[in-house]
Amino acid sequence: MKRLILIYFGLFAIACSNPSSENNEVLDYESFANSLDSIMALDQGIRKKFMDAMQANEEIEFSFYGEMNRIDSSNQAWVINKLQKYGWPEKSKIGDDAARAVFLVIQHAELSDIETYYPQLQALADREEARPVHAAMMLDRMLMYQGKKQVYGTQSSGQLRQDGSWVIWPVENPESINERRKSVGFTDTVEETAASMDAVYNPDEPLPNGD
């Protein structure tokens, strides 16, 4: 009887130590990519409305931000659920469009989510399984949210001026910023990026805390 009990508990321990079949699921890349088509449309559609209103100098109603937050929250819940289960998928398995959609959803998420998933994106970029410019943009946004200087000058803010005008968030080592941008695949300069955002670029821009 003792031997039977020991065998039973030994088998029980082995069963508990192995992941369940649910945890060993393989992501259906085709279905995942197809779902991201509609997510991308929602993400970019609401932002196109925002940009069109800004360019037309129209007043942005408060309800608009609520709609954007609702869309972003829904997109993030779905995508983050997949990333938690399977990790950030390789570009070669889901295609360029779907890879861009995953990037945009996390790029528009909270700092804690960006901090969680940026290392995965950077690791894929290092293996050419994600676009290095996406990793660069996410790094810049993470640094901006952390109150630090950005590396590639991709992020702007309307909170650095009392009049609310847009400014490129402060950058580190501005003398070499365009070389850094080129090294990861950007085809425009930080000055050109600023112009496209209708933002001011000051290479000596200090951080809000004065650093």
N, C-alpha and C. Protein backbone atom coordinates (compact mmCIF):
# COMPACT_ATOMS: atom_id res chain seq x y z
N MET A 1 0.82 -1.21 0.00
CA MET A 1 0.00 0.00 0.00
C MET A 1 0.86 1.26 0.00
N LYS A 2 1.94 1.24 0.85
CA LYS A 2 2.83 2.41 0.89
C LYS A 2 3.39 2.71 -0.48
N ARG A 3 3.77 1.62 -1.17
CA ARG A 3 4.37 1.80 -2.50
C ARG A 3 3.36 2.42 -3.45
N LEU A 4 2.12 1.97 -3.39
CA LEU A 4 1.08 2.52 -4.26
C LEU A 4 0.85 3.99 -3.97
N ILE A 5 0.86 4.34 -2.69
CA ILE A 5 0.67 5.75 -2.31
C ILE A 5 1.82 6.61 -2.85
N LEU A 6 3.05 6.11 -2.73
CA LEU A 6 4.21 6.85 -3.22
C LEU A 6 4.15 7.03 -4.74
N ILE A 7 3.75 5.97 -5.44
CA ILE A 7 3.63 6.08 -6.90
C ILE A 7 2.57 7.10 -7.27
N TYR A 8 1.44 7.07 -6.53
CA TYR A 8 0.35 8.02 -6.82
C TYR A 8 0.82 9.45 -6.66
N PHE A 9 1.47 9.74 -5.52
CA PHE A 9 1.92 11.11 -5.29
C PHE A 9 3.03 11.51 -6.23
N GLY A 10 3.84 10.52 -6.66
CA GLY A 10 4.87 10.84 -7.63
C GLY A 10 4.27 11.25 -8.96
N LEU A 11 3.25 10.51 -9.41
CA LEU A 11 2.58 10.86 -10.66
C LEU A 11 1.86 12.19 -10.53
N PHE A 12 1.26 12.45 -9.35
CA PHE A 12 0.56 13.72 -9.12
C PHE A 12 1.52 14.89 -9.21
N ALA A 13 2.72 14.72 -8.64
CA ALA A 13 3.72 15.80 -8.66
C ALA A 13 4.18 16.07 -10.08
N ILE A 14 4.36 14.99 -10.89
CA ILE A 14 4.78 15.18 -12.27
C ILE A 14 3.72 15.94 -13.05
N ALA A 15 2.44 15.56 -12.82
CA ALA A 15 1.34 16.22 -13.52
C ALA A 15 1.29 17.69 -13.16
N CYS A 16 1.51 18.02 -11.90
CA CYS A 16 1.45 19.42 -11.47
C CYS A 16 2.63 20.23 -11.98
N SER A 17 3.75 19.58 -12.22
CA SER A 17 4.94 20.31 -12.64
C SER A 17 4.94 20.64 -14.12
N ASN A 18 4.10 19.94 -14.91
CA ASN A 18 4.04 20.18 -16.35
C ASN A 18 2.95 21.18 -16.68
N PRO A 19 3.19 22.10 -17.62
CA PRO A 19 2.15 23.04 -18.00
C PRO A 19 0.98 22.29 -18.59
N SER A 20 -0.21 22.84 -18.38
CA SER A 20 -1.39 22.23 -18.95
C SER A 20 -1.39 22.41 -20.45
N SER A 21 -2.24 21.65 -21.12
CA SER A 21 -2.33 21.79 -22.57
C SER A 21 -2.74 23.19 -22.96
N GLU A 22 -3.53 23.83 -22.07
CA GLU A 22 -3.97 25.20 -22.36
C GLU A 22 -2.78 26.14 -22.42
N ASN A 23 -1.80 25.95 -21.49
CA ASN A 23 -0.64 26.82 -21.47
C ASN A 23 0.31 26.52 -22.63
N ASN A 24 0.14 25.36 -23.26
CA ASN A 24 0.99 24.99 -24.38
C ASN A 24 0.33 25.28 -25.74
N GLU A 25 -0.74 26.05 -25.70
CA GLU A 25 -1.42 26.41 -26.93
C GLU A 25 -0.45 27.13 -27.86
N VAL A 26 -0.65 26.92 -29.15
CA VAL A 26 0.13 27.63 -30.16
C VAL A 26 -0.76 28.71 -30.76
N LEU A 27 -0.23 29.90 -30.89
CA LEU A 27 -1.01 31.00 -31.43
C LEU A 27 -1.38 30.73 -32.88
N ASP A 28 -2.65 30.95 -33.20
CA ASP A 28 -3.11 30.86 -34.58
C ASP A 28 -2.74 32.19 -35.26
N TYR A 29 -1.59 32.21 -35.90
CA TYR A 29 -1.06 33.47 -36.44
C TYR A 29 -1.97 34.09 -37.49
N GLU A 30 -2.57 33.28 -38.33
CA GLU A 30 -3.44 33.82 -39.38
C GLU A 30 -4.68 34.50 -38.78
N SER A 31 -5.29 33.83 -37.82
CA SER A 31 -6.46 34.41 -37.16
C SER A 31 -6.08 35.67 -36.38
N PHE A 32 -4.93 35.61 -35.72
CA PHE A 32 -4.43 36.76 -34.97
C PHE A 32 -4.23 37.96 -35.88
N ALA A 33 -3.59 37.74 -37.02
CA ALA A 33 -3.33 38.82 -37.97
C ALA A 33 -4.63 39.38 -38.54
N ASN A 34 -5.58 38.51 -38.83
CA ASN A 34 -6.86 38.98 -39.37
C ASN A 34 -7.61 39.85 -38.37
N SER A 35 -7.57 39.47 -37.09
CA SER A 35 -8.23 40.26 -36.05
C SER A 35 -7.57 41.63 -35.91
N LEU A 36 -6.27 41.67 -36.14
CA LEU A 36 -5.54 42.93 -36.00
C LEU A 36 -5.89 43.93 -37.10
N ASP A 37 -6.45 43.46 -38.22
CA ASP A 37 -6.87 44.38 -39.27
C ASP A 37 -7.93 45.36 -38.75
N SER A 38 -8.93 44.82 -38.05
CA SER A 38 -9.99 45.69 -37.53
C SER A 38 -9.48 46.55 -36.37
N ILE A 39 -8.57 46.01 -35.58
CA ILE A 39 -7.98 46.78 -34.48
C ILE A 39 -7.20 47.96 -35.03
N MET A 40 -6.44 47.72 -36.09
CA MET A 40 -5.66 48.79 -36.73
C MET A 40 -6.59 49.87 -37.28
N ALA A 41 -7.69 49.45 -37.88
CA ALA A 41 -8.64 50.42 -38.45
C ALA A 41 -9.22 51.31 -37.35
N LEU A 42 -9.55 50.73 -36.22
CA LEU A 42 -10.09 51.51 -35.12
C LEU A 42 -9.04 52.46 -34.54
N ASP A 43 -7.84 51.94 -34.33
CA ASP A 43 -6.75 52.74 -33.75
C ASP A 43 -6.45 53.95 -34.62
N GLN A 44 -6.29 53.73 -35.92
CA GLN A 44 -5.90 54.81 -36.81
C GLN A 44 -7.08 55.70 -37.18
N GLY A 45 -8.29 55.12 -37.23
CA GLY A 45 -9.46 55.90 -37.59
C GLY A 45 -9.73 57.02 -36.61
N ILE A 46 -9.70 56.72 -35.32
CA ILE A 46 -9.97 57.74 -34.32
C ILE A 46 -8.87 58.80 -34.29
N ARG A 47 -7.64 58.39 -34.59
CA ARG A 47 -6.54 59.36 -34.59
C ARG A 47 -6.54 60.23 -35.84
N LYS A 48 -7.05 59.71 -36.94
CA LYS A 48 -7.20 60.52 -38.14
C LYS A 48 -8.22 61.64 -37.89
N LYS A 49 -9.29 61.30 -37.19
CA LYS A 49 -10.28 62.33 -36.85
C LYS A 49 -9.64 63.43 -36.00
N PHE A 50 -8.80 63.01 -35.07
CA PHE A 50 -8.11 63.95 -34.19
C PHE A 50 -7.20 64.87 -34.99
N MET A 51 -6.38 64.27 -35.87
CA MET A 51 -5.45 65.06 -36.67
C MET A 51 -6.19 65.99 -37.64
N ASP A 52 -7.27 65.50 -38.24
CA ASP A 52 -8.05 66.35 -39.15
C ASP A 52 -8.62 67.55 -38.40
N ALA A 53 -9.10 67.34 -37.20
CA ALA A 53 -9.66 68.43 -36.41
C ALA A 53 -8.58 69.43 -36.02
N MET A 54 -7.40 68.93 -35.66
CA MET A 54 -6.30 69.82 -35.29
C MET A 54 -5.87 70.67 -36.47
N GLN A 55 -5.72 70.03 -37.64
CA GLN A 55 -5.27 70.75 -38.83
C GLN A 55 -6.30 71.79 -39.28
N ALA A 56 -7.56 71.53 -38.98
CA ALA A 56 -8.62 72.48 -39.34
C ALA A 56 -8.84 73.50 -38.23
N ASN A 57 -8.01 73.44 -37.18
CA ASN A 57 -8.13 74.34 -36.03
C ASN A 57 -9.51 74.27 -35.38
N GLU A 58 -10.09 73.08 -35.40
CA GLU A 58 -11.39 72.89 -34.77
C GLU A 58 -11.21 72.54 -33.30
N GLU A 59 -12.16 72.94 -32.49
CA GLU A 59 -12.10 72.62 -31.07
C GLU A 59 -12.37 71.13 -30.86
N ILE A 60 -11.52 70.50 -30.07
CA ILE A 60 -11.68 69.08 -29.79
C ILE A 60 -12.61 68.92 -28.59
N GLU A 61 -13.76 68.31 -28.80
CA GLU A 61 -14.70 68.12 -27.72
C GLU A 61 -14.19 67.07 -26.74
N PHE A 62 -14.55 67.24 -25.46
CA PHE A 62 -14.08 66.33 -24.42
C PHE A 62 -14.54 64.90 -24.69
N SER A 63 -15.72 64.74 -25.27
CA SER A 63 -16.25 63.40 -25.54
C SER A 63 -15.37 62.63 -26.51
N PHE A 64 -14.63 63.37 -27.35
CA PHE A 64 -13.75 62.72 -28.32
C PHE A 64 -12.67 61.92 -27.61
N TYR A 65 -12.10 62.51 -26.53
CA TYR A 65 -11.05 61.81 -25.79
C TYR A 65 -11.61 60.56 -25.12
N GLY A 66 -12.86 60.64 -24.67
CA GLY A 66 -13.49 59.48 -24.09
C GLY A 66 -13.64 58.35 -25.10
N GLU A 67 -13.99 58.71 -26.34
CA GLU A 67 -14.13 57.71 -27.39
C GLU A 67 -12.77 57.08 -27.70
N MET A 68 -11.73 57.90 -27.76
CA MET A 68 -10.39 57.38 -28.03
C MET A 68 -9.93 56.44 -26.92
N ASN A 69 -10.18 56.83 -25.68
CA ASN A 69 -9.78 55.98 -24.56
C ASN A 69 -10.54 54.65 -24.57
N ARG A 70 -11.81 54.70 -24.95
CA ARG A 70 -12.60 53.47 -25.00
C ARG A 70 -12.05 52.52 -26.06
N ILE A 71 -11.74 53.07 -27.24
CA ILE A 71 -11.18 52.24 -28.32
C ILE A 71 -9.83 51.68 -27.91
N ASP A 72 -8.97 52.54 -27.36
CA ASP A 72 -7.64 52.08 -26.96
C ASP A 72 -7.72 50.99 -25.89
N SER A 73 -8.59 51.19 -24.90
CA SER A 73 -8.71 50.22 -23.81
C SER A 73 -9.17 48.86 -24.33
N SER A 74 -10.13 48.89 -25.26
CA SER A 74 -10.62 47.64 -25.83
C SER A 74 -9.53 46.93 -26.64
N ASN A 75 -8.83 47.69 -27.47
CA ASN A 75 -7.74 47.12 -28.27
C ASN A 75 -6.64 46.56 -27.38
N GLN A 76 -6.29 47.30 -26.34
CA GLN A 76 -5.20 46.86 -25.46
C GLN A 76 -5.58 45.61 -24.69
N ALA A 77 -6.82 45.53 -24.24
CA ALA A 77 -7.25 44.34 -23.49
C ALA A 77 -7.10 43.09 -24.36
N TRP A 78 -7.48 43.19 -25.62
CA TRP A 78 -7.42 42.04 -26.50
C TRP A 78 -5.97 41.67 -26.82
N VAL A 79 -5.17 42.66 -27.21
CA VAL A 79 -3.80 42.39 -27.61
C VAL A 79 -2.96 41.93 -26.43
N ILE A 80 -3.09 42.59 -25.29
CA ILE A 80 -2.28 42.23 -24.12
C ILE A 80 -2.63 40.83 -23.64
N ASN A 81 -3.89 40.44 -23.75
CA ASN A 81 -4.27 39.07 -23.41
C ASN A 81 -3.48 38.06 -24.24
N LYS A 82 -3.32 38.36 -25.54
CA LYS A 82 -2.55 37.47 -26.42
C LYS A 82 -1.06 37.51 -26.07
N LEU A 83 -0.53 38.69 -25.80
CA LEU A 83 0.89 38.80 -25.47
C LEU A 83 1.23 38.09 -24.17
N GLN A 84 0.30 38.15 -23.21
CA GLN A 84 0.53 37.46 -21.94
C GLN A 84 0.62 35.95 -22.14
N LYS A 85 -0.17 35.44 -23.08
CA LYS A 85 -0.19 33.99 -23.32
C LYS A 85 0.96 33.53 -24.20
N TYR A 86 1.27 34.32 -25.24
CA TYR A 86 2.18 33.83 -26.28
C TYR A 86 3.45 34.66 -26.46
N GLY A 87 3.51 35.83 -25.83
CA GLY A 87 4.64 36.71 -26.07
C GLY A 87 4.44 37.50 -27.36
N TRP A 88 5.32 38.45 -27.60
CA TRP A 88 5.23 39.29 -28.79
C TRP A 88 5.57 38.44 -30.02
N PRO A 89 4.67 38.37 -31.00
CA PRO A 89 4.90 37.48 -32.15
C PRO A 89 5.91 38.03 -33.14
N GLU A 90 6.62 37.14 -33.80
CA GLU A 90 7.60 37.54 -34.81
C GLU A 90 6.90 38.10 -36.05
N LYS A 91 7.54 39.10 -36.63
CA LYS A 91 7.00 39.73 -37.84
C LYS A 91 6.85 38.74 -38.97
N SER A 92 7.77 37.79 -39.08
CA SER A 92 7.73 36.83 -40.17
C SER A 92 6.52 35.90 -40.09
N LYS A 93 5.90 35.81 -38.91
CA LYS A 93 4.77 34.91 -38.72
C LYS A 93 3.41 35.60 -38.85
N ILE A 94 3.38 36.92 -38.68
CA ILE A 94 2.08 37.61 -38.75
C ILE A 94 2.03 38.67 -39.85
N GLY A 95 3.18 39.02 -40.43
CA GLY A 95 3.20 40.00 -41.50
C GLY A 95 3.44 41.41 -40.99
N ASP A 96 3.84 42.30 -41.89
CA ASP A 96 4.21 43.67 -41.53
C ASP A 96 3.03 44.45 -40.96
N ASP A 97 1.86 44.33 -41.58
CA ASP A 97 0.70 45.12 -41.14
C ASP A 97 0.27 44.74 -39.74
N ALA A 98 0.20 43.45 -39.47
CA ALA A 98 -0.20 42.99 -38.14
C ALA A 98 0.86 43.37 -37.10
N ALA A 99 2.14 43.28 -37.48
CA ALA A 99 3.21 43.65 -36.56
C ALA A 99 3.11 45.13 -36.20
N ARG A 100 2.76 45.94 -37.18
CA ARG A 100 2.60 47.38 -36.92
C ARG A 100 1.41 47.63 -36.00
N ALA A 101 0.34 46.86 -36.18
CA ALA A 101 -0.83 47.02 -35.33
C ALA A 101 -0.52 46.70 -33.88
N VAL A 102 0.22 45.61 -33.64
CA VAL A 102 0.61 45.25 -32.27
C VAL A 102 1.43 46.39 -31.66
N PHE A 103 2.38 46.89 -32.43
CA PHE A 103 3.21 48.00 -31.95
C PHE A 103 2.37 49.20 -31.56
N LEU A 104 1.44 49.60 -32.42
CA LEU A 104 0.64 50.80 -32.16
C LEU A 104 -0.24 50.63 -30.93
N VAL A 105 -0.82 49.46 -30.76
CA VAL A 105 -1.67 49.24 -29.59
C VAL A 105 -0.87 49.40 -28.30
N ILE A 106 0.32 48.81 -28.24
CA ILE A 106 1.13 48.94 -27.03
C ILE A 106 1.72 50.34 -26.92
N GLN A 107 2.04 50.96 -28.03
CA GLN A 107 2.57 52.32 -28.02
C GLN A 107 1.55 53.29 -27.40
N HIS A 108 0.28 52.99 -27.57
CA HIS A 108 -0.77 53.87 -27.04
C HIS A 108 -1.26 53.43 -25.67
N ALA A 109 -0.55 52.49 -25.04
CA ALA A 109 -0.94 51.96 -23.74
C ALA A 109 -0.29 52.77 -22.61
N GLU A 110 -0.58 52.35 -21.39
CA GLU A 110 -0.01 53.00 -20.21
C GLU A 110 1.47 52.67 -20.10
N LEU A 111 2.18 53.47 -19.31
CA LEU A 111 3.62 53.28 -19.13
C LEU A 111 3.94 51.88 -18.63
N SER A 112 3.15 51.36 -17.70
CA SER A 112 3.45 50.04 -17.14
C SER A 112 3.42 48.96 -18.21
N ASP A 113 2.49 49.08 -19.16
CA ASP A 113 2.42 48.10 -20.25
C ASP A 113 3.60 48.27 -21.21
N ILE A 114 3.96 49.50 -21.49
CA ILE A 114 5.11 49.75 -22.36
C ILE A 114 6.38 49.19 -21.72
N GLU A 115 6.54 49.43 -20.43
CA GLU A 115 7.73 48.91 -19.73
C GLU A 115 7.76 47.38 -19.75
N THR A 116 6.59 46.76 -19.70
CA THR A 116 6.52 45.30 -19.70
C THR A 116 6.91 44.72 -21.05
N TYR A 117 6.42 45.33 -22.15
CA TYR A 117 6.56 44.70 -23.46
C TYR A 117 7.65 45.31 -24.35
N TYR A 118 8.18 46.46 -23.98
CA TYR A 118 9.26 47.03 -24.80
C TYR A 118 10.47 46.07 -24.91
N PRO A 119 10.91 45.42 -23.83
CA PRO A 119 12.06 44.52 -23.99
C PRO A 119 11.81 43.41 -25.01
N GLN A 120 10.58 42.90 -25.09
CA GLN A 120 10.28 41.87 -26.08
C GLN A 120 10.38 42.43 -27.50
N LEU A 121 9.84 43.63 -27.68
CA LEU A 121 9.91 44.26 -29.00
C LEU A 121 11.35 44.52 -29.40
N GLN A 122 12.16 45.02 -28.48
CA GLN A 122 13.56 45.31 -28.79
C GLN A 122 14.32 44.03 -29.12
N ALA A 123 14.03 42.96 -28.39
CA ALA A 123 14.70 41.68 -28.65
C ALA A 123 14.35 41.17 -30.05
N LEU A 124 13.11 41.34 -30.47
CA LEU A 124 12.72 40.93 -31.82
C LEU A 124 13.37 41.82 -32.86
N ALA A 125 13.45 43.11 -32.59
CA ALA A 125 14.10 44.03 -33.52
C ALA A 125 15.57 43.65 -33.71
N ASP A 126 16.21 43.22 -32.64
CA ASP A 126 17.61 42.80 -32.71
C ASP A 126 17.78 41.58 -33.61
N ARG A 127 16.70 40.79 -33.75
CA ARG A 127 16.74 39.59 -34.59
C ARG A 127 16.06 39.82 -35.95
N GLU A 128 15.76 41.09 -36.25
CA GLU A 128 15.09 41.45 -37.50
C GLU A 128 13.71 40.82 -37.60
N GLU A 129 13.08 40.58 -36.45
CA GLU A 129 11.72 40.06 -36.40
C GLU A 129 10.73 41.14 -35.96
N ALA A 130 11.20 42.38 -35.91
CA ALA A 130 10.37 43.56 -35.67
C ALA A 130 11.13 44.73 -36.26
N ARG A 131 10.41 45.81 -36.55
CA ARG A 131 11.07 46.97 -37.15
C ARG A 131 11.83 47.76 -36.09
N PRO A 132 13.11 48.00 -36.30
CA PRO A 132 13.89 48.78 -35.33
C PRO A 132 13.29 50.16 -35.06
N VAL A 133 12.65 50.77 -36.08
CA VAL A 133 12.06 52.10 -35.84
C VAL A 133 10.92 52.01 -34.83
N HIS A 134 10.21 50.88 -34.81
CA HIS A 134 9.14 50.72 -33.82
C HIS A 134 9.73 50.63 -32.42
N ALA A 135 10.80 49.86 -32.28
CA ALA A 135 11.46 49.76 -30.98
C ALA A 135 12.00 51.11 -30.54
N ALA A 136 12.54 51.89 -31.49
CA ALA A 136 13.07 53.21 -31.17
C ALA A 136 11.96 54.14 -30.70
N MET A 137 10.82 54.11 -31.38
CA MET A 137 9.70 54.97 -31.00
C MET A 137 9.14 54.59 -29.64
N MET A 138 9.09 53.29 -29.36
CA MET A 138 8.57 52.86 -28.06
C MET A 138 9.55 53.22 -26.95
N LEU A 139 10.85 53.10 -27.21
CA LEU A 139 11.84 53.52 -26.22
C LEU A 139 11.67 54.99 -25.91
N ASP A 140 11.54 55.81 -26.95
CA ASP A 140 11.37 57.25 -26.74
C ASP A 140 10.13 57.56 -25.92
N ARG A 141 9.02 56.88 -26.23
CA ARG A 141 7.80 57.16 -25.48
C ARG A 141 7.94 56.72 -24.03
N MET A 142 8.56 55.59 -23.81
CA MET A 142 8.77 55.13 -22.44
C MET A 142 9.61 56.13 -21.66
N LEU A 143 10.68 56.62 -22.27
CA LEU A 143 11.54 57.60 -21.61
C LEU A 143 10.79 58.89 -21.32
N MET A 144 9.97 59.33 -22.27
CA MET A 144 9.19 60.55 -22.07
C MET A 144 8.24 60.38 -20.90
N TYR A 145 7.53 59.25 -20.85
CA TYR A 145 6.60 59.00 -19.75
C TYR A 145 7.33 58.91 -18.42
N GLN A 146 8.59 58.48 -18.46
CA GLN A 146 9.38 58.40 -17.23
C GLN A 146 10.01 59.74 -16.85
N GLY A 147 9.77 60.76 -17.67
CA GLY A 147 10.33 62.07 -17.40
C GLY A 147 11.80 62.20 -17.75
N LYS A 148 12.27 61.33 -18.67
CA LYS A 148 13.68 61.35 -19.09
C LYS A 148 13.80 61.83 -20.53
N LYS A 149 15.02 62.16 -20.93
CA LYS A 149 15.26 62.59 -22.30
C LYS A 149 15.16 61.40 -23.25
N GLN A 150 14.62 61.66 -24.44
CA GLN A 150 14.49 60.59 -25.42
C GLN A 150 15.77 60.46 -26.25
N VAL A 151 15.86 59.35 -26.97
CA VAL A 151 17.08 59.01 -27.69
C VAL A 151 17.00 59.41 -29.16
N TYR A 152 15.83 59.23 -29.77
CA TYR A 152 15.70 59.41 -31.22
C TYR A 152 14.85 60.61 -31.63
N GLY A 153 14.27 61.31 -30.68
CA GLY A 153 13.50 62.51 -31.00
C GLY A 153 12.21 62.26 -31.74
N THR A 154 11.53 61.15 -31.41
CA THR A 154 10.31 60.80 -32.13
C THR A 154 9.04 61.29 -31.45
N GLN A 155 9.15 61.75 -30.20
CA GLN A 155 7.96 62.10 -29.43
C GLN A 155 7.86 63.60 -29.19
N SER A 156 6.63 64.09 -29.27
CA SER A 156 6.38 65.51 -28.99
C SER A 156 5.38 65.63 -27.85
N SER A 157 5.30 66.82 -27.29
CA SER A 157 4.42 67.04 -26.15
C SER A 157 3.83 68.45 -26.21
N GLY A 158 2.60 68.55 -25.75
CA GLY A 158 1.96 69.86 -25.65
C GLY A 158 1.97 70.38 -24.23
N GLN A 159 2.81 69.79 -23.37
CA GLN A 159 2.82 70.15 -21.96
C GLN A 159 4.08 70.90 -21.53
N LEU A 160 4.91 71.27 -22.50
CA LEU A 160 6.15 71.97 -22.15
C LEU A 160 6.04 73.47 -22.29
N ARG A 161 4.96 73.94 -22.88
CA ARG A 161 4.74 75.37 -23.09
C ARG A 161 3.42 75.78 -22.44
N GLN A 162 3.40 76.95 -21.86
CA GLN A 162 2.18 77.42 -21.21
C GLN A 162 1.04 77.60 -22.20
N ASP A 163 1.38 77.90 -23.45
CA ASP A 163 0.32 78.11 -24.45
C ASP A 163 -0.16 76.79 -25.06
N GLY A 164 0.42 75.66 -24.63
CA GLY A 164 -0.02 74.36 -25.12
C GLY A 164 0.51 74.00 -26.49
N SER A 165 1.41 74.81 -27.05
CA SER A 165 1.98 74.49 -28.37
C SER A 165 2.85 73.24 -28.27
N TRP A 166 2.98 72.54 -29.40
CA TRP A 166 3.69 71.26 -29.40
C TRP A 166 5.19 71.44 -29.57
N VAL A 167 5.94 70.66 -28.82
CA VAL A 167 7.40 70.74 -28.80
C VAL A 167 7.95 69.31 -28.81
N ILE A 168 9.04 69.11 -29.55
CA ILE A 168 9.72 67.82 -29.47
C ILE A 168 10.25 67.64 -28.05
N TRP A 169 9.89 66.52 -27.45
CA TRP A 169 10.35 66.25 -26.08
C TRP A 169 11.88 66.28 -26.05
N PRO A 170 12.47 66.79 -24.97
CA PRO A 170 13.93 66.92 -24.89
C PRO A 170 14.67 65.64 -25.28
N VAL A 171 15.81 65.83 -25.95
CA VAL A 171 16.60 64.70 -26.43
C VAL A 171 17.99 64.73 -25.79
N GLU A 172 18.57 63.55 -25.68
CA GLU A 172 19.94 63.47 -25.18
C GLU A 172 20.92 63.49 -26.35
N ASN A 173 22.09 64.05 -26.14
CA ASN A 173 23.13 64.13 -27.17
C ASN A 173 22.58 64.60 -28.52
N PRO A 174 22.01 65.80 -28.57
CA PRO A 174 21.38 66.27 -29.81
C PRO A 174 22.34 66.38 -30.98
N GLU A 175 23.63 66.52 -30.70
CA GLU A 175 24.60 66.67 -31.78
C GLU A 175 24.69 65.44 -32.67
N SER A 176 24.28 64.29 -32.15
CA SER A 176 24.37 63.05 -32.95
C SER A 176 23.01 62.39 -33.16
N ILE A 177 21.94 63.11 -32.93
CA ILE A 177 20.62 62.47 -32.96
C ILE A 177 20.25 61.97 -34.35
N ASN A 178 20.60 62.72 -35.39
CA ASN A 178 20.21 62.27 -36.73
C ASN A 178 21.01 61.05 -37.18
N GLU A 179 22.24 60.92 -36.68
CA GLU A 179 23.01 59.72 -36.97
C GLU A 179 22.37 58.51 -36.29
N ARG A 180 21.90 58.71 -35.05
CA ARG A 180 21.24 57.61 -34.34
C ARG A 180 19.95 57.22 -35.06
N ARG A 181 19.22 58.22 -35.51
CA ARG A 181 17.97 57.93 -36.22
C ARG A 181 18.25 57.10 -37.48
N LYS A 182 19.26 57.51 -38.21
CA LYS A 182 19.60 56.81 -39.45
C LYS A 182 20.02 55.37 -39.17
N SER A 183 20.70 55.16 -38.05
CA SER A 183 21.24 53.82 -37.75
C SER A 183 20.14 52.79 -37.51
N VAL A 184 18.92 53.25 -37.13
CA VAL A 184 17.83 52.31 -36.89
C VAL A 184 16.79 52.33 -38.00
N GLY A 185 17.05 53.14 -39.03
CA GLY A 185 16.17 53.07 -40.19
C GLY A 185 15.28 54.26 -40.46
N PHE A 186 15.36 55.32 -39.67
CA PHE A 186 14.58 56.51 -39.97
C PHE A 186 15.15 57.18 -41.22
N THR A 187 14.28 57.62 -42.10
CA THR A 187 14.72 58.27 -43.33
C THR A 187 14.61 59.78 -43.26
N ASP A 188 14.07 60.31 -42.18
CA ASP A 188 13.97 61.76 -42.02
C ASP A 188 14.77 62.19 -40.79
N THR A 189 15.04 63.47 -40.73
CA THR A 189 15.78 64.03 -39.60
C THR A 189 14.80 64.42 -38.50
N VAL A 190 15.33 64.72 -37.33
CA VAL A 190 14.47 65.15 -36.24
C VAL A 190 13.81 66.48 -36.59
N GLU A 191 14.52 67.32 -37.34
CA GLU A 191 13.92 68.59 -37.76
C GLU A 191 12.73 68.36 -38.69
N GLU A 192 12.86 67.39 -39.58
CA GLU A 192 11.76 67.06 -40.49
C GLU A 192 10.58 66.44 -39.74
N THR A 193 10.90 65.62 -38.75
CA THR A 193 9.84 65.05 -37.92
C THR A 193 9.07 66.15 -37.20
N ALA A 194 9.80 67.10 -36.65
CA ALA A 194 9.16 68.22 -35.95
C ALA A 194 8.23 68.99 -36.89
N ALA A 195 8.70 69.23 -38.10
CA ALA A 195 7.88 69.97 -39.07
C ALA A 195 6.61 69.20 -39.41
N SER A 196 6.73 67.88 -39.54
CA SER A 196 5.55 67.07 -39.87
C SER A 196 4.54 67.05 -38.73
N MET A 197 5.01 67.27 -37.50
CA MET A 197 4.13 67.31 -36.33
C MET A 197 3.65 68.72 -36.01
N ASP A 198 4.13 69.69 -36.79
CA ASP A 198 3.85 71.10 -36.49
C ASP A 198 4.32 71.42 -35.07
N ALA A 199 5.52 70.91 -34.75
CA ALA A 199 6.09 71.08 -33.42
C ALA A 199 7.42 71.81 -33.51
N VAL A 200 7.80 72.46 -32.43
CA VAL A 200 9.08 73.15 -32.34
C VAL A 200 10.15 72.16 -31.90
N TYR A 201 11.32 72.20 -32.55
CA TYR A 201 12.44 71.40 -32.08
C TYR A 201 13.54 72.31 -31.60
N ASN A 202 13.86 72.19 -30.32
CA ASN A 202 14.97 72.92 -29.72
C ASN A 202 15.95 71.90 -29.18
N PRO A 203 17.14 71.77 -29.80
CA PRO A 203 18.09 70.75 -29.33
C PRO A 203 18.50 70.92 -27.87
N ASP A 204 18.33 72.14 -27.35
CA ASP A 204 18.71 72.40 -25.96
C ASP A 204 17.49 72.41 -25.03
N GLU A 205 16.38 71.89 -25.50
CA GLU A 205 15.16 71.86 -24.69
C GLU A 205 15.42 71.14 -23.36
N PRO A 206 15.14 71.80 -22.24
CA PRO A 206 15.34 71.13 -20.95
C PRO A 206 14.13 70.29 -20.57
N LEU A 207 14.33 69.35 -19.70
CA LEU A 207 13.22 68.59 -19.14
C LEU A 207 12.38 69.51 -18.25
N PRO A 208 11.12 69.16 -18.03
CA PRO A 208 10.27 70.01 -17.18
C PRO A 208 10.85 70.29 -15.81
N ASN A 209 11.68 69.35 -15.29
CA ASN A 209 12.28 69.57 -13.96
C ASN A 209 13.54 70.39 -14.05
N GLY A 210 13.89 70.83 -15.27
CA GLY A 210 15.03 71.70 -15.44
C GLY A 210 16.33 71.02 -15.81
N ASP A 211 16.35 69.68 -15.84
CA ASP A 211 17.58 68.95 -16.18
C ASP A 211 17.83 68.99 -17.69
